[in-house]
Amino acid sequence: MIRVCRRGGKIALANWTPEGFICKLFKTIGKYVPPAPGVKSPALWGTEAHLDTLFGAKGTVTMKGRTFVFR
């Protein structure tokens, strides 16, 4: 993403967080159907620490939490 983003541009992401509903659902499903070996949780993308690791010194990570209510 950084490679194709123009200098000074922004990359916006909408990610699941480890404490959110979807992650709780994954944990419940994982009790019956474990994830494939070596596959990391998609909820990691919802943590600032993981994004800092992915983007490194090439980008600045700023997070703003939002809540979506499933009905």
C-alpha atoms as a PDB file:
ATOM      1  CA  MET A   1       0.000   0.000   0.000  1.00  0.00           C
ATOM      2  CA  ILE A   2       2.792   2.395   0.863  1.00  0.00           C
ATOM      3  CA  ARG A   3       4.532   1.692  -2.431  1.00  0.00           C
ATOM      4  CA  VAL A   4       1.549   2.926  -4.474  1.00  0.00           C
ATOM      5  CA  CYS A   5       0.496   5.782  -2.169  1.00  0.00           C
ATOM      6  CA  ARG A   6       1.755   9.187  -3.269  1.00  0.00           C
ATOM      7  CA  ARG A   7       4.126  11.028  -0.956  1.00  0.00           C
ATOM      8  CA  GLY A   8       2.093  12.702   1.799  1.00  0.00           C
ATOM      9  CA  GLY A   9      -0.987  10.623   0.864  1.00  0.00           C
ATOM     10  CA  LYS A  10      -3.220   8.728   3.270  1.00  0.00           C
ATOM     11  CA  ILE A  11      -4.173   5.086   3.474  1.00  0.00           C
ATOM     12  CA  ALA A  12      -7.476   4.395   5.221  1.00  0.00           C
ATOM     13  CA  LEU A  13      -8.304   0.997   6.660  1.00  0.00           C
ATOM     14  CA  ALA A  14     -11.393  -0.437   8.327  1.00  0.00           C
ATOM     15  CA  ASN A  15     -10.320  -3.390  10.467  1.00  0.00           C
ATOM     16  CA  TRP A  16     -11.743  -5.731  13.055  1.00  0.00           C
ATOM     17  CA  THR A  17     -10.293  -5.306  16.540  1.00  0.00           C
ATOM     18  CA  PRO A  18      -9.330  -8.112  18.948  1.00  0.00           C
ATOM     19  CA  GLU A  19     -11.975  -6.997  21.439  1.00  0.00           C
ATOM     20  CA  GLY A  20     -14.787  -6.603  18.892  1.00  0.00           C
ATOM     21  CA  PHE A  21     -17.735  -8.833  17.995  1.00  0.00           C
ATOM     22  CA  ILE A  22     -16.118 -10.422  14.936  1.00  0.00           C
ATOM     23  CA  CYS A  23     -13.043 -11.501  16.906  1.00  0.00           C
ATOM     24  CA  LYS A  24     -15.277 -13.043  19.563  1.00  0.00           C
ATOM     25  CA  LEU A  25     -17.066 -14.886  16.776  1.00  0.00           C
ATOM     26  CA  PHE A  26     -13.709 -16.123  15.384  1.00  0.00           C
ATOM     27  CA  LYS A  27     -12.738 -17.407  18.837  1.00  0.00           C
ATOM     28  CA  THR A  28     -16.018 -19.289  19.142  1.00  0.00           C
ATOM     29  CA  ILE A  29     -15.663 -20.822  15.682  1.00  0.00           C
ATOM     30  CA  GLY A  30     -11.997 -21.624  16.397  1.00  0.00           C
ATOM     31  CA  LYS A  31     -13.063 -23.965  19.200  1.00  0.00           C
ATOM     32  CA  TYR A  32     -14.666 -26.204  16.574  1.00  0.00           C
ATOM     33  CA  VAL A  33     -12.702 -25.407  13.405  1.00  0.00           C
ATOM     34  CA  PRO A  34      -9.139 -24.332  14.154  1.00  0.00           C
ATOM     35  CA  PRO A  35      -7.463 -21.882  11.759  1.00  0.00           C
ATOM     36  CA  ALA A  36      -4.977 -23.156   9.207  1.00  0.00           C
ATOM     37  CA  PRO A  37      -1.421 -23.528  10.541  1.00  0.00           C
ATOM     38  CA  GLY A  38       0.628 -20.341  10.272  1.00  0.00           C
ATOM     39  CA  VAL A  39      -2.372 -18.084   9.592  1.00  0.00           C
ATOM     40  CA  LYS A  40      -2.419 -14.979  11.762  1.00  0.00           C
ATOM     41  CA  SER A  41      -5.652 -13.531  13.054  1.00  0.00           C
ATOM     42  CA  PRO A  42      -7.176 -10.814  10.846  1.00  0.00           C
ATOM     43  CA  ALA A  43      -7.990  -8.975  14.091  1.00  0.00           C
ATOM     44  CA  LEU A  44      -4.280  -8.091  14.393  1.00  0.00           C
ATOM     45  CA  TRP A  45      -4.883  -5.449  11.720  1.00  0.00           C
ATOM     46  CA  GLY A  46      -7.071  -3.692  14.292  1.00  0.00           C
ATOM     47  CA  THR A  47      -4.136  -3.055  16.645  1.00  0.00           C
ATOM     48  CA  GLU A  48      -1.827  -0.081  16.419  1.00  0.00           C
ATOM     49  CA  ALA A  49       1.195  -2.206  17.377  1.00  0.00           C
ATOM     50  CA  HIS A  50       0.686  -4.580  14.427  1.00  0.00           C
ATOM     51  CA  LEU A  51       0.175  -1.728  11.976  1.00  0.00           C
ATOM     52  CA  ASP A  52       3.338  -0.042  13.260  1.00  0.00           C
ATOM     53  CA  THR A  53       5.179  -3.305  12.594  1.00  0.00           C
ATOM     54  CA  LEU A  54       3.749  -3.593   9.076  1.00  0.00           C
ATOM     55  CA  PHE A  55       4.296  -0.005   7.991  1.00  0.00           C
ATOM     56  CA  GLY A  56       7.493   0.572   9.974  1.00  0.00           C
ATOM     57  CA  ALA A  57       9.315   3.849   9.543  1.00  0.00           C
ATOM     58  CA  LYS A  58       7.697   4.438   6.142  1.00  0.00           C
ATOM     59  CA  GLY A  59       4.407   5.592   7.604  1.00  0.00           C
ATOM     60  CA  THR A  60       2.702   7.115  10.605  1.00  0.00           C
ATOM     61  CA  VAL A  61      -0.168   5.166  12.121  1.00  0.00           C
ATOM     62  CA  THR A  62      -3.086   7.064  13.612  1.00  0.00           C
ATOM     63  CA  MET A  63      -6.093   5.115  14.808  1.00  0.00           C
ATOM     64  CA  LYS A  64      -9.608   6.321  15.419  1.00  0.00           C
ATOM     65  CA  GLY A  65     -12.008   3.789  16.867  1.00  0.00           C
ATOM     66  CA  ARG A  66     -15.555   3.469  15.637  1.00  0.00           C
ATOM     67  CA  THR A  67     -18.332   1.167  16.784  1.00  0.00           C
ATOM     68  CA  PHE A  68     -20.691  -0.609  14.441  1.00  0.00           C
ATOM     69  CA  VAL A  69     -23.822  -2.131  15.931  1.00  0.00           C
ATOM     70  CA  PHE A  70     -24.930  -5.354  14.273  1.00  0.00           C
ATOM     71  CA  ARG A  71     -28.697  -5.602  14.218  1.00  0.00           C
END
